[in-house]
Amino acid sequence: MSTPRSDPLALEVVDLIGTVVARYHEEYAEAATRHHLTVAQARVLALLATEPAAMRSIARQLRCEPSNVTGIIDRLEARGLVERLPDPVDRRVRIAAATDEGHRTARDLGGAPSFAREALAELSAEELGTLRDLLRRIPGCGGTDV
């Protein structure tokens, strides 16, 4: 295991990553608000637009209690954005799935934040590939989790 870097360059990179993350969350929250959703509801809807899932699975992905997810699903279901279905593998289990309206809303929410789209437009395909590859090397970003 390598020693964490704390030199000025490494600290600057960490600070820049933090700035990008903060801006992403800010724009994502604004997009959720435009759709009259909380950030938590938007995150659950985005997960369900990818694939239907059981409450426990959603809770694991979001690192929260299944009871919290149940409340979020209740509110999304009341809005017609998700529906509960029997699990095709275990009919005792209910899964949540995005409705057509839920998929449309998730697509609206899922576009890259405008600040990122504008900044990334300035990079070449090679630069984007390099950035992607470097980010994937960070645990939790598509690389190997520690």
N, C-alpha and C. Protein backbone atom coordinates (compact mmCIF):
# COMPACT_ATOMS: atom_id res chain seq x y z
N MET A 1 0.85 -1.17 0.00
CA MET A 1 0.00 0.00 0.00
C MET A 1 0.90 1.24 0.00
N SER A 2 0.59 2.18 -0.86
CA SER A 2 1.43 3.37 -0.98
C SER A 2 1.05 4.41 0.08
N THR A 3 1.98 5.31 0.35
CA THR A 3 1.76 6.39 1.30
C THR A 3 0.97 7.50 0.62
N PRO A 4 -0.10 8.01 1.28
CA PRO A 4 -0.88 9.09 0.67
C PRO A 4 0.01 10.31 0.42
N ARG A 5 -0.22 10.94 -0.71
CA ARG A 5 0.54 12.15 -1.06
C ARG A 5 -0.07 13.36 -0.39
N SER A 6 0.81 14.23 0.07
CA SER A 6 0.33 15.47 0.68
C SER A 6 1.15 16.66 0.19
N ASP A 7 1.79 16.50 -0.98
CA ASP A 7 2.55 17.61 -1.54
C ASP A 7 1.59 18.63 -2.13
N PRO A 8 2.05 19.85 -2.40
CA PRO A 8 1.16 20.91 -2.89
C PRO A 8 0.39 20.54 -4.16
N LEU A 9 1.02 19.83 -5.09
CA LEU A 9 0.33 19.45 -6.32
C LEU A 9 -0.82 18.48 -6.01
N ALA A 10 -0.58 17.48 -5.19
CA ALA A 10 -1.63 16.52 -4.83
C ALA A 10 -2.77 17.23 -4.12
N LEU A 11 -2.44 18.14 -3.20
CA LEU A 11 -3.48 18.87 -2.47
C LEU A 11 -4.29 19.76 -3.41
N GLU A 12 -3.65 20.34 -4.41
CA GLU A 12 -4.36 21.16 -5.39
C GLU A 12 -5.33 20.29 -6.20
N VAL A 13 -4.88 19.10 -6.60
CA VAL A 13 -5.73 18.19 -7.37
C VAL A 13 -6.94 17.78 -6.52
N VAL A 14 -6.72 17.45 -5.26
CA VAL A 14 -7.83 17.08 -4.38
C VAL A 14 -8.81 18.24 -4.26
N ASP A 15 -8.30 19.45 -4.12
CA ASP A 15 -9.15 20.63 -4.02
C ASP A 15 -9.96 20.83 -5.31
N LEU A 16 -9.33 20.63 -6.46
CA LEU A 16 -10.03 20.78 -7.74
C LEU A 16 -11.13 19.72 -7.89
N ILE A 17 -10.82 18.49 -7.49
CA ILE A 17 -11.84 17.43 -7.54
C ILE A 17 -13.00 17.80 -6.63
N GLY A 18 -12.70 18.32 -5.44
CA GLY A 18 -13.75 18.75 -4.52
C GLY A 18 -14.62 19.84 -5.12
N THR A 19 -14.00 20.77 -5.84
CA THR A 19 -14.75 21.86 -6.48
C THR A 19 -15.69 21.30 -7.55
N VAL A 20 -15.20 20.36 -8.35
CA VAL A 20 -16.04 19.74 -9.38
C VAL A 20 -17.20 18.99 -8.74
N VAL A 21 -16.92 18.23 -7.69
CA VAL A 21 -17.98 17.48 -7.01
C VAL A 21 -19.03 18.44 -6.44
N ALA A 22 -18.59 19.50 -5.80
CA ALA A 22 -19.53 20.47 -5.22
C ALA A 22 -20.40 21.10 -6.30
N ARG A 23 -19.78 21.48 -7.42
CA ARG A 23 -20.57 22.08 -8.52
C ARG A 23 -21.54 21.07 -9.10
N TYR A 24 -21.12 19.82 -9.24
CA TYR A 24 -22.00 18.78 -9.76
C TYR A 24 -23.22 18.64 -8.85
N HIS A 25 -22.98 18.52 -7.54
CA HIS A 25 -24.08 18.36 -6.60
C HIS A 25 -25.01 19.57 -6.62
N GLU A 26 -24.45 20.75 -6.73
CA GLU A 26 -25.25 21.97 -6.79
C GLU A 26 -26.17 21.96 -8.01
N GLU A 27 -25.61 21.65 -9.18
CA GLU A 27 -26.44 21.63 -10.39
C GLU A 27 -27.44 20.48 -10.38
N TYR A 28 -27.05 19.33 -9.82
CA TYR A 28 -27.96 18.20 -9.73
C TYR A 28 -29.14 18.55 -8.81
N ALA A 29 -28.85 19.20 -7.70
CA ALA A 29 -29.91 19.63 -6.77
C ALA A 29 -30.85 20.62 -7.45
N GLU A 30 -30.30 21.54 -8.24
CA GLU A 30 -31.14 22.50 -8.97
C GLU A 30 -32.03 21.78 -9.97
N ALA A 31 -31.48 20.78 -10.67
CA ALA A 31 -32.27 20.02 -11.64
C ALA A 31 -33.38 19.24 -10.92
N ALA A 32 -33.06 18.64 -9.79
CA ALA A 32 -34.07 17.90 -9.02
C ALA A 32 -35.18 18.85 -8.59
N THR A 33 -34.81 20.02 -8.11
CA THR A 33 -35.80 21.01 -7.67
C THR A 33 -36.72 21.41 -8.82
N ARG A 34 -36.15 21.57 -10.02
CA ARG A 34 -36.98 21.93 -11.19
C ARG A 34 -38.05 20.87 -11.45
N HIS A 35 -37.76 19.63 -11.07
CA HIS A 35 -38.72 18.54 -11.27
C HIS A 35 -39.52 18.27 -9.99
N HIS A 36 -39.39 19.16 -9.00
CA HIS A 36 -40.11 19.03 -7.73
C HIS A 36 -39.74 17.73 -7.02
N LEU A 37 -38.44 17.39 -7.07
CA LEU A 37 -37.91 16.20 -6.41
C LEU A 37 -36.84 16.62 -5.41
N THR A 38 -36.66 15.80 -4.39
CA THR A 38 -35.49 15.98 -3.53
C THR A 38 -34.31 15.32 -4.23
N VAL A 39 -33.12 15.60 -3.77
CA VAL A 39 -31.93 14.96 -4.34
C VAL A 39 -32.01 13.45 -4.15
N ALA A 40 -32.46 13.01 -2.98
CA ALA A 40 -32.58 11.57 -2.72
C ALA A 40 -33.57 10.92 -3.69
N GLN A 41 -34.70 11.58 -3.93
CA GLN A 41 -35.67 11.04 -4.88
C GLN A 41 -35.07 10.97 -6.28
N ALA A 42 -34.35 12.01 -6.67
CA ALA A 42 -33.71 12.02 -8.00
C ALA A 42 -32.69 10.89 -8.13
N ARG A 43 -31.92 10.66 -7.08
CA ARG A 43 -30.92 9.59 -7.12
C ARG A 43 -31.58 8.22 -7.25
N VAL A 44 -32.65 7.99 -6.50
CA VAL A 44 -33.35 6.71 -6.59
C VAL A 44 -33.96 6.55 -7.98
N LEU A 45 -34.57 7.60 -8.49
CA LEU A 45 -35.15 7.53 -9.83
C LEU A 45 -34.08 7.23 -10.87
N ALA A 46 -32.91 7.85 -10.75
CA ALA A 46 -31.82 7.58 -11.70
C ALA A 46 -31.40 6.11 -11.64
N LEU A 47 -31.33 5.55 -10.44
CA LEU A 47 -30.97 4.13 -10.31
C LEU A 47 -32.02 3.25 -10.97
N LEU A 48 -33.29 3.56 -10.72
CA LEU A 48 -34.37 2.73 -11.26
C LEU A 48 -34.54 2.89 -12.76
N ALA A 49 -34.11 4.01 -13.29
CA ALA A 49 -34.16 4.20 -14.75
C ALA A 49 -33.12 3.32 -15.43
N THR A 50 -32.10 2.93 -14.69
CA THR A 50 -31.08 2.02 -15.23
C THR A 50 -31.59 0.59 -15.22
N GLU A 51 -32.16 0.18 -14.07
CA GLU A 51 -32.74 -1.15 -13.96
C GLU A 51 -33.63 -1.23 -12.72
N PRO A 52 -34.70 -2.01 -12.79
CA PRO A 52 -35.55 -2.19 -11.61
C PRO A 52 -34.73 -2.82 -10.48
N ALA A 53 -35.12 -2.53 -9.24
CA ALA A 53 -34.36 -3.04 -8.11
C ALA A 53 -35.25 -3.19 -6.88
N ALA A 54 -34.84 -4.10 -6.01
CA ALA A 54 -35.49 -4.28 -4.72
C ALA A 54 -35.04 -3.17 -3.78
N MET A 55 -35.84 -2.90 -2.76
CA MET A 55 -35.53 -1.83 -1.82
C MET A 55 -34.16 -2.05 -1.16
N ARG A 56 -33.87 -3.27 -0.77
CA ARG A 56 -32.58 -3.56 -0.11
C ARG A 56 -31.40 -3.24 -1.03
N SER A 57 -31.55 -3.55 -2.29
CA SER A 57 -30.48 -3.27 -3.26
C SER A 57 -30.28 -1.76 -3.40
N ILE A 58 -31.38 -1.03 -3.49
CA ILE A 58 -31.28 0.44 -3.61
C ILE A 58 -30.63 1.00 -2.34
N ALA A 59 -31.05 0.51 -1.18
CA ALA A 59 -30.50 0.98 0.09
C ALA A 59 -29.00 0.72 0.15
N ARG A 60 -28.56 -0.44 -0.31
CA ARG A 60 -27.12 -0.76 -0.32
C ARG A 60 -26.36 0.22 -1.21
N GLN A 61 -26.90 0.50 -2.39
CA GLN A 61 -26.24 1.41 -3.32
C GLN A 61 -26.16 2.83 -2.77
N LEU A 62 -27.20 3.25 -2.06
CA LEU A 62 -27.24 4.60 -1.52
C LEU A 62 -26.66 4.67 -0.10
N ARG A 63 -26.32 3.51 0.45
CA ARG A 63 -25.76 3.43 1.80
C ARG A 63 -26.72 4.04 2.83
N CYS A 64 -27.97 3.56 2.79
CA CYS A 64 -28.97 4.02 3.75
C CYS A 64 -29.85 2.85 4.15
N GLU A 65 -30.78 3.09 5.04
CA GLU A 65 -31.69 2.06 5.53
C GLU A 65 -32.80 1.78 4.51
N PRO A 66 -33.20 0.50 4.37
CA PRO A 66 -34.30 0.19 3.45
C PRO A 66 -35.58 0.96 3.76
N SER A 67 -35.84 1.26 5.05
CA SER A 67 -37.06 2.02 5.38
C SER A 67 -37.03 3.41 4.77
N ASN A 68 -35.84 4.03 4.66
CA ASN A 68 -35.74 5.33 4.00
C ASN A 68 -36.10 5.20 2.53
N VAL A 69 -35.63 4.13 1.90
CA VAL A 69 -35.91 3.92 0.48
C VAL A 69 -37.40 3.69 0.27
N THR A 70 -38.03 2.97 1.17
CA THR A 70 -39.47 2.71 1.03
C THR A 70 -40.25 4.03 0.99
N GLY A 71 -39.90 4.97 1.86
CA GLY A 71 -40.57 6.27 1.86
C GLY A 71 -40.34 7.04 0.57
N ILE A 72 -39.12 6.97 0.07
CA ILE A 72 -38.80 7.65 -1.20
C ILE A 72 -39.59 7.02 -2.34
N ILE A 73 -39.63 5.69 -2.37
CA ILE A 73 -40.39 4.99 -3.42
C ILE A 73 -41.86 5.34 -3.32
N ASP A 74 -42.40 5.42 -2.09
CA ASP A 74 -43.81 5.80 -1.91
C ASP A 74 -44.09 7.14 -2.59
N ARG A 75 -43.22 8.12 -2.36
CA ARG A 75 -43.43 9.47 -2.92
C ARG A 75 -43.27 9.46 -4.45
N LEU A 76 -42.29 8.72 -4.95
CA LEU A 76 -42.11 8.63 -6.40
C LEU A 76 -43.28 7.90 -7.06
N GLU A 77 -43.79 6.88 -6.39
CA GLU A 77 -44.93 6.14 -6.92
C GLU A 77 -46.17 7.04 -6.96
N ALA A 78 -46.37 7.84 -5.92
CA ALA A 78 -47.51 8.76 -5.88
C ALA A 78 -47.45 9.77 -7.03
N ARG A 79 -46.23 10.09 -7.48
CA ARG A 79 -46.06 11.02 -8.60
C ARG A 79 -46.14 10.32 -9.96
N GLY A 80 -46.26 9.00 -9.96
CA GLY A 80 -46.33 8.25 -11.21
C GLY A 80 -44.98 8.04 -11.88
N LEU A 81 -43.91 8.20 -11.11
CA LEU A 81 -42.57 8.07 -11.68
C LEU A 81 -41.99 6.67 -11.52
N VAL A 82 -42.49 5.91 -10.54
CA VAL A 82 -42.07 4.52 -10.37
C VAL A 82 -43.29 3.68 -10.06
N GLU A 83 -43.12 2.38 -10.23
CA GLU A 83 -44.17 1.43 -9.87
C GLU A 83 -43.52 0.24 -9.18
N ARG A 84 -44.29 -0.41 -8.33
CA ARG A 84 -43.83 -1.62 -7.66
C ARG A 84 -44.34 -2.82 -8.44
N LEU A 85 -43.45 -3.77 -8.66
CA LEU A 85 -43.78 -4.97 -9.42
C LEU A 85 -43.30 -6.20 -8.66
N PRO A 86 -43.91 -7.36 -8.92
CA PRO A 86 -43.38 -8.58 -8.31
C PRO A 86 -42.03 -8.92 -8.95
N ASP A 87 -41.10 -9.37 -8.13
CA ASP A 87 -39.80 -9.80 -8.63
C ASP A 87 -40.00 -11.07 -9.46
N PRO A 88 -39.52 -11.12 -10.70
CA PRO A 88 -39.74 -12.31 -11.52
C PRO A 88 -39.03 -13.56 -10.97
N VAL A 89 -38.01 -13.38 -10.14
CA VAL A 89 -37.28 -14.50 -9.58
C VAL A 89 -37.92 -14.99 -8.27
N ASP A 90 -38.35 -14.05 -7.43
CA ASP A 90 -38.93 -14.37 -6.13
C ASP A 90 -40.20 -13.53 -5.97
N ARG A 91 -41.34 -14.12 -6.23
CA ARG A 91 -42.60 -13.38 -6.26
C ARG A 91 -43.02 -12.85 -4.89
N ARG A 92 -42.31 -13.26 -3.82
CA ARG A 92 -42.58 -12.70 -2.49
C ARG A 92 -41.99 -11.31 -2.35
N VAL A 93 -41.03 -11.00 -3.21
CA VAL A 93 -40.30 -9.72 -3.15
C VAL A 93 -40.90 -8.76 -4.17
N ARG A 94 -41.01 -7.49 -3.78
CA ARG A 94 -41.46 -6.45 -4.70
C ARG A 94 -40.25 -5.65 -5.15
N ILE A 95 -40.22 -5.31 -6.41
CA ILE A 95 -39.16 -4.46 -6.93
C ILE A 95 -39.77 -3.16 -7.41
N ALA A 96 -38.95 -2.14 -7.47
CA ALA A 96 -39.40 -0.84 -7.97
C ALA A 96 -38.81 -0.65 -9.36
N ALA A 97 -39.59 -0.07 -10.24
CA ALA A 97 -39.15 0.18 -11.62
C ALA A 97 -39.65 1.55 -12.05
N ALA A 98 -38.85 2.23 -12.85
CA ALA A 98 -39.26 3.52 -13.39
C ALA A 98 -40.37 3.32 -14.41
N THR A 99 -41.36 4.18 -14.37
CA THR A 99 -42.41 4.20 -15.39
C THR A 99 -41.87 4.96 -16.61
N ASP A 100 -42.66 5.04 -17.65
CA ASP A 100 -42.24 5.82 -18.83
C ASP A 100 -41.95 7.26 -18.44
N GLU A 101 -42.86 7.84 -17.61
CA GLU A 101 -42.64 9.22 -17.14
C GLU A 101 -41.38 9.30 -16.28
N GLY A 102 -41.14 8.27 -15.48
CA GLY A 102 -39.93 8.23 -14.67
C GLY A 102 -38.67 8.19 -15.52
N HIS A 103 -38.71 7.42 -16.60
CA HIS A 103 -37.56 7.37 -17.52
C HIS A 103 -37.32 8.74 -18.15
N ARG A 104 -38.39 9.41 -18.57
CA ARG A 104 -38.24 10.75 -19.17
C ARG A 104 -37.64 11.72 -18.16
N THR A 105 -38.14 11.68 -16.93
CA THR A 105 -37.63 12.58 -15.89
C THR A 105 -36.16 12.28 -15.59
N ALA A 106 -35.82 11.01 -15.50
CA ALA A 106 -34.43 10.63 -15.22
C ALA A 106 -33.50 11.10 -16.33
N ARG A 107 -33.97 11.01 -17.58
CA ARG A 107 -33.14 11.50 -18.70
C ARG A 107 -32.90 13.00 -18.57
N ASP A 108 -33.95 13.73 -18.20
CA ASP A 108 -33.80 15.18 -18.00
C ASP A 108 -32.80 15.48 -16.89
N LEU A 109 -32.84 14.70 -15.83
CA LEU A 109 -31.95 14.90 -14.70
C LEU A 109 -30.52 14.44 -15.01
N GLY A 110 -30.40 13.43 -15.86
CA GLY A 110 -29.12 12.75 -16.03
C GLY A 110 -28.11 13.41 -16.94
N GLY A 111 -28.49 14.43 -17.66
CA GLY A 111 -27.52 15.08 -18.52
C GLY A 111 -26.39 15.68 -17.70
N ALA A 112 -25.21 15.66 -18.25
CA ALA A 112 -24.06 16.24 -17.53
C ALA A 112 -24.36 17.69 -17.19
N PRO A 113 -23.94 18.12 -16.01
CA PRO A 113 -24.15 19.53 -15.65
C PRO A 113 -23.53 20.45 -16.71
N SER A 114 -24.15 21.60 -16.89
CA SER A 114 -23.69 22.49 -17.96
C SER A 114 -22.24 22.89 -17.79
N PHE A 115 -21.77 23.12 -16.55
CA PHE A 115 -20.38 23.51 -16.39
C PHE A 115 -19.45 22.40 -16.89
N ALA A 116 -19.83 21.15 -16.67
CA ALA A 116 -18.99 20.03 -17.12
C ALA A 116 -19.04 19.89 -18.63
N ARG A 117 -20.23 20.00 -19.22
CA ARG A 117 -20.34 19.89 -20.68
C ARG A 117 -19.50 20.95 -21.36
N GLU A 118 -19.56 22.16 -20.85
CA GLU A 118 -18.79 23.26 -21.45
C GLU A 118 -17.30 23.04 -21.31
N ALA A 119 -16.85 22.64 -20.13
CA ALA A 119 -15.42 22.41 -19.90
C ALA A 119 -14.92 21.23 -20.72
N LEU A 120 -15.69 20.16 -20.76
CA LEU A 120 -15.25 18.96 -21.48
C LEU A 120 -15.26 19.18 -22.99
N ALA A 121 -16.07 20.10 -23.47
CA ALA A 121 -16.10 20.39 -24.91
C ALA A 121 -14.76 20.93 -25.38
N GLU A 122 -13.99 21.50 -24.47
CA GLU A 122 -12.68 22.07 -24.81
C GLU A 122 -11.59 21.01 -24.92
N LEU A 123 -11.87 19.80 -24.45
CA LEU A 123 -10.86 18.73 -24.47
C LEU A 123 -10.99 17.89 -25.73
N SER A 124 -9.86 17.42 -26.20
CA SER A 124 -9.87 16.50 -27.35
C SER A 124 -10.34 15.12 -26.88
N ALA A 125 -10.65 14.25 -27.82
CA ALA A 125 -11.05 12.89 -27.48
C ALA A 125 -9.92 12.19 -26.72
N GLU A 126 -8.70 12.43 -27.12
CA GLU A 126 -7.55 11.81 -26.43
C GLU A 126 -7.45 12.32 -24.99
N GLU A 127 -7.63 13.62 -24.79
CA GLU A 127 -7.57 14.18 -23.44
C GLU A 127 -8.70 13.64 -22.56
N LEU A 128 -9.89 13.54 -23.15
CA LEU A 128 -11.02 12.97 -22.41
C LEU A 128 -10.74 11.53 -22.00
N GLY A 129 -10.18 10.76 -22.93
CA GLY A 129 -9.84 9.37 -22.62
C GLY A 129 -8.81 9.28 -21.51
N THR A 130 -7.82 10.15 -21.54
CA THR A 130 -6.80 10.16 -20.49
C THR A 130 -7.41 10.53 -19.15
N LEU A 131 -8.26 11.56 -19.13
CA LEU A 131 -8.92 11.97 -17.90
C LEU A 131 -9.77 10.83 -17.35
N ARG A 132 -10.54 10.20 -18.21
CA ARG A 132 -11.37 9.06 -17.79
C ARG A 132 -10.50 7.96 -17.18
N ASP A 133 -9.43 7.62 -17.87
CA ASP A 133 -8.56 6.54 -17.39
C ASP A 133 -7.94 6.87 -16.04
N LEU A 134 -7.53 8.12 -15.86
CA LEU A 134 -6.94 8.53 -14.58
C LEU A 134 -7.99 8.49 -13.47
N LEU A 135 -9.20 8.97 -13.74
CA LEU A 135 -10.26 8.96 -12.73
C LEU A 135 -10.64 7.53 -12.36
N ARG A 136 -10.63 6.62 -13.32
CA ARG A 136 -10.96 5.22 -13.03
C ARG A 136 -9.94 4.57 -12.11
N ARG A 137 -8.75 5.12 -12.04
CA ARG A 137 -7.72 4.57 -11.16
C ARG A 137 -7.96 4.94 -9.70
N ILE A 138 -8.84 5.90 -9.45
CA ILE A 138 -9.17 6.29 -8.08
C ILE A 138 -10.19 5.29 -7.54
N PRO A 139 -9.90 4.67 -6.38
CA PRO A 139 -10.85 3.72 -5.82
C PRO A 139 -12.24 4.36 -5.67
N GLY A 140 -13.27 3.61 -6.07
CA GLY A 140 -14.64 4.11 -5.97
C GLY A 140 -15.10 4.83 -7.23
N CYS A 141 -14.21 5.04 -8.18
CA CYS A 141 -14.56 5.75 -9.42
C CYS A 141 -14.51 4.81 -10.62
N GLY A 142 -14.72 3.56 -10.42
CA GLY A 142 -14.69 2.63 -11.54
C GLY A 142 -13.46 1.76 -11.52
N GLY A 143 -12.55 2.08 -10.63
CA GLY A 143 -11.36 1.25 -10.49
C GLY A 143 -11.58 0.22 -9.40
N THR A 144 -10.53 -0.29 -8.85
CA THR A 144 -10.62 -1.27 -7.79
C THR A 144 -10.87 -0.57 -6.47
N ASP A 145 -11.93 -0.97 -5.79
CA ASP A 145 -12.22 -0.40 -4.47
C ASP A 145 -11.24 -0.98 -3.46
N VAL A 146 -10.82 -0.11 -2.55
CA VAL A 146 -9.88 -0.53 -1.51
C VAL A 146 -10.65 -1.06 -0.33
